[in-house]
Amino acid sequence: ASVIQAVLSAVGEPIVNRVLVKRMKLMDAINDVKPSMMLEYLKTTLATNFLKFPFFEAINALCAALPINPSVRGIVTGFVFTTATLPVTNFRYRKSMQLEVKWGNIYEA
């Protein structure tokens, strides 16, 4: 599942980010993203998926063992996962936009 999602993200995320962030028209964004850029970005999506998917499962399993209300468990799981993976998500975004990745901007929200 993470490989399929990585391939779909390698194609879609650079285009969507150009439309949403750079405010490009859809066809301009599609023309701006070359297949070589998608293949290069696939390395990023694969690596981040192989980190995030197992990490989410571990957090979910840990929280499932806690004797708390399922709604609270979901909130805790979501909070821990999104907080812990923010640097990974920012890394992935910056790579999709071909921006410089530095430690100073990895925790931007």
Protein backbone atom coordinates (compact mmCIF):
# COMPACT_ATOMS: atom_id res chain seq x y z
CA ALA A 1 0.00 0.00 0.00
CA SER A 2 2.77 2.46 0.80
CA VAL A 3 4.42 1.84 -2.59
CA ILE A 4 1.19 2.52 -4.48
CA GLN A 5 0.55 5.63 -2.41
CA ALA A 6 4.14 6.78 -3.01
CA VAL A 7 3.75 6.45 -6.78
CA LEU A 8 0.44 8.33 -6.75
CA SER A 9 1.96 11.03 -4.54
CA ALA A 10 5.03 11.36 -6.75
CA VAL A 11 2.75 12.20 -9.66
CA GLY A 12 0.07 14.21 -7.87
CA GLU A 13 1.72 16.16 -5.04
CA PRO A 14 4.06 18.32 -7.15
CA ILE A 15 1.12 19.34 -9.35
CA VAL A 16 -1.28 19.98 -6.47
CA ASN A 17 1.35 21.97 -4.55
CA ARG A 18 1.98 24.18 -7.57
CA VAL A 19 -1.73 24.86 -7.94
CA LEU A 20 -2.28 25.54 -4.22
CA VAL A 21 0.96 27.30 -3.28
CA LYS A 22 2.15 28.96 -6.48
CA ARG A 23 -1.44 29.59 -7.64
CA MET A 24 -0.68 28.14 -11.06
CA LYS A 25 -3.42 27.08 -13.42
CA LEU A 26 -3.83 23.31 -13.54
CA MET A 27 -2.49 22.87 -17.07
CA ASP A 28 0.47 25.15 -16.29
CA ALA A 29 1.24 23.08 -13.21
CA ILE A 30 0.99 19.82 -15.18
CA ASN A 31 3.33 21.23 -17.85
CA ASP A 32 5.74 22.52 -15.18
CA VAL A 33 6.24 19.07 -13.63
CA LYS A 34 8.38 16.83 -15.82
CA PRO A 35 8.44 13.02 -15.62
CA SER A 36 12.08 13.18 -14.48
CA MET A 37 11.00 15.38 -11.54
CA MET A 38 8.30 12.85 -10.65
CA LEU A 39 10.83 10.00 -10.70
CA GLU A 40 13.21 11.99 -8.52
CA TYR A 41 10.40 12.84 -6.10
CA LEU A 42 9.40 9.16 -5.99
CA LYS A 43 12.57 8.51 -3.96
CA THR A 44 11.29 10.99 -1.37
CA THR A 45 7.75 9.62 -1.27
CA LEU A 46 8.97 6.03 -0.90
CA ALA A 47 11.36 6.90 1.92
CA THR A 48 8.84 8.99 3.83
CA ASN A 49 6.08 6.41 3.41
CA PHE A 50 8.34 3.66 4.71
CA LEU A 51 8.85 5.81 7.80
CA LYS A 52 5.33 7.12 8.33
CA PHE A 53 3.20 4.02 7.69
CA PRO A 54 4.92 1.73 10.25
CA PHE A 55 5.21 4.60 12.72
CA PHE A 56 1.46 5.20 12.55
CA GLU A 57 0.77 1.50 13.11
CA ALA A 58 3.07 1.46 16.15
CA ILE A 59 1.40 4.53 17.65
CA ASN A 60 -2.03 3.08 16.93
CA ALA A 61 -1.13 -0.25 18.56
CA LEU A 62 0.34 1.50 21.59
CA CYS A 63 -2.74 3.69 22.03
CA ALA A 64 -5.05 0.69 21.53
CA ALA A 65 -3.47 -0.88 24.62
CA LEU A 66 -4.35 2.15 26.76
CA PRO A 67 -7.55 1.89 28.81
CA ILE A 68 -9.09 5.11 27.46
CA ASN A 69 -12.20 6.11 25.56
CA PRO A 70 -11.89 5.37 21.79
CA SER A 71 -12.53 9.02 20.92
CA VAL A 72 -9.74 10.18 23.20
CA ARG A 73 -7.53 7.42 21.83
CA GLY A 74 -8.10 8.75 18.31
CA ILE A 75 -7.24 12.28 19.38
CA VAL A 76 -4.06 11.11 21.13
CA THR A 77 -3.04 8.98 18.14
CA GLY A 78 -3.61 11.86 15.73
CA PHE A 79 -1.80 14.38 17.91
CA VAL A 80 1.26 12.19 18.48
CA PHE A 81 1.47 11.10 14.83
CA THR A 82 1.11 14.57 13.31
CA THR A 83 3.47 16.17 15.82
CA ALA A 84 6.15 13.51 15.42
CA THR A 85 5.95 13.41 11.63
CA LEU A 86 5.78 17.17 10.98
CA PRO A 87 9.47 17.30 9.96
CA VAL A 88 8.94 14.40 7.55
CA THR A 89 5.87 16.08 6.05
CA ASN A 90 7.73 19.39 5.68
CA PHE A 91 10.70 17.62 4.11
CA ARG A 92 8.37 15.98 1.62
CA TYR A 93 6.59 19.25 0.81
CA ARG A 94 9.85 21.14 0.28
CA LYS A 95 11.13 18.38 -1.99
CA SER A 96 7.91 18.42 -4.05
CA MET A 97 8.28 22.19 -4.55
CA GLN A 98 12.03 21.85 -5.24
CA LEU A 99 12.82 24.12 -2.30
CA GLU A 100 15.96 24.00 -0.18
CA VAL A 101 15.70 21.74 2.86
CA LYS A 102 17.51 22.99 5.98
CA TRP A 103 17.14 22.15 9.66
CA GLY A 104 15.82 25.65 10.25
CA ASN A 105 12.78 25.16 8.02
CA ILE A 106 12.02 21.51 8.74
CA TYR A 107 9.71 22.38 11.65
CA GLU A 108 7.70 25.06 9.83
CA ALA A 109 3.96 24.66 10.21
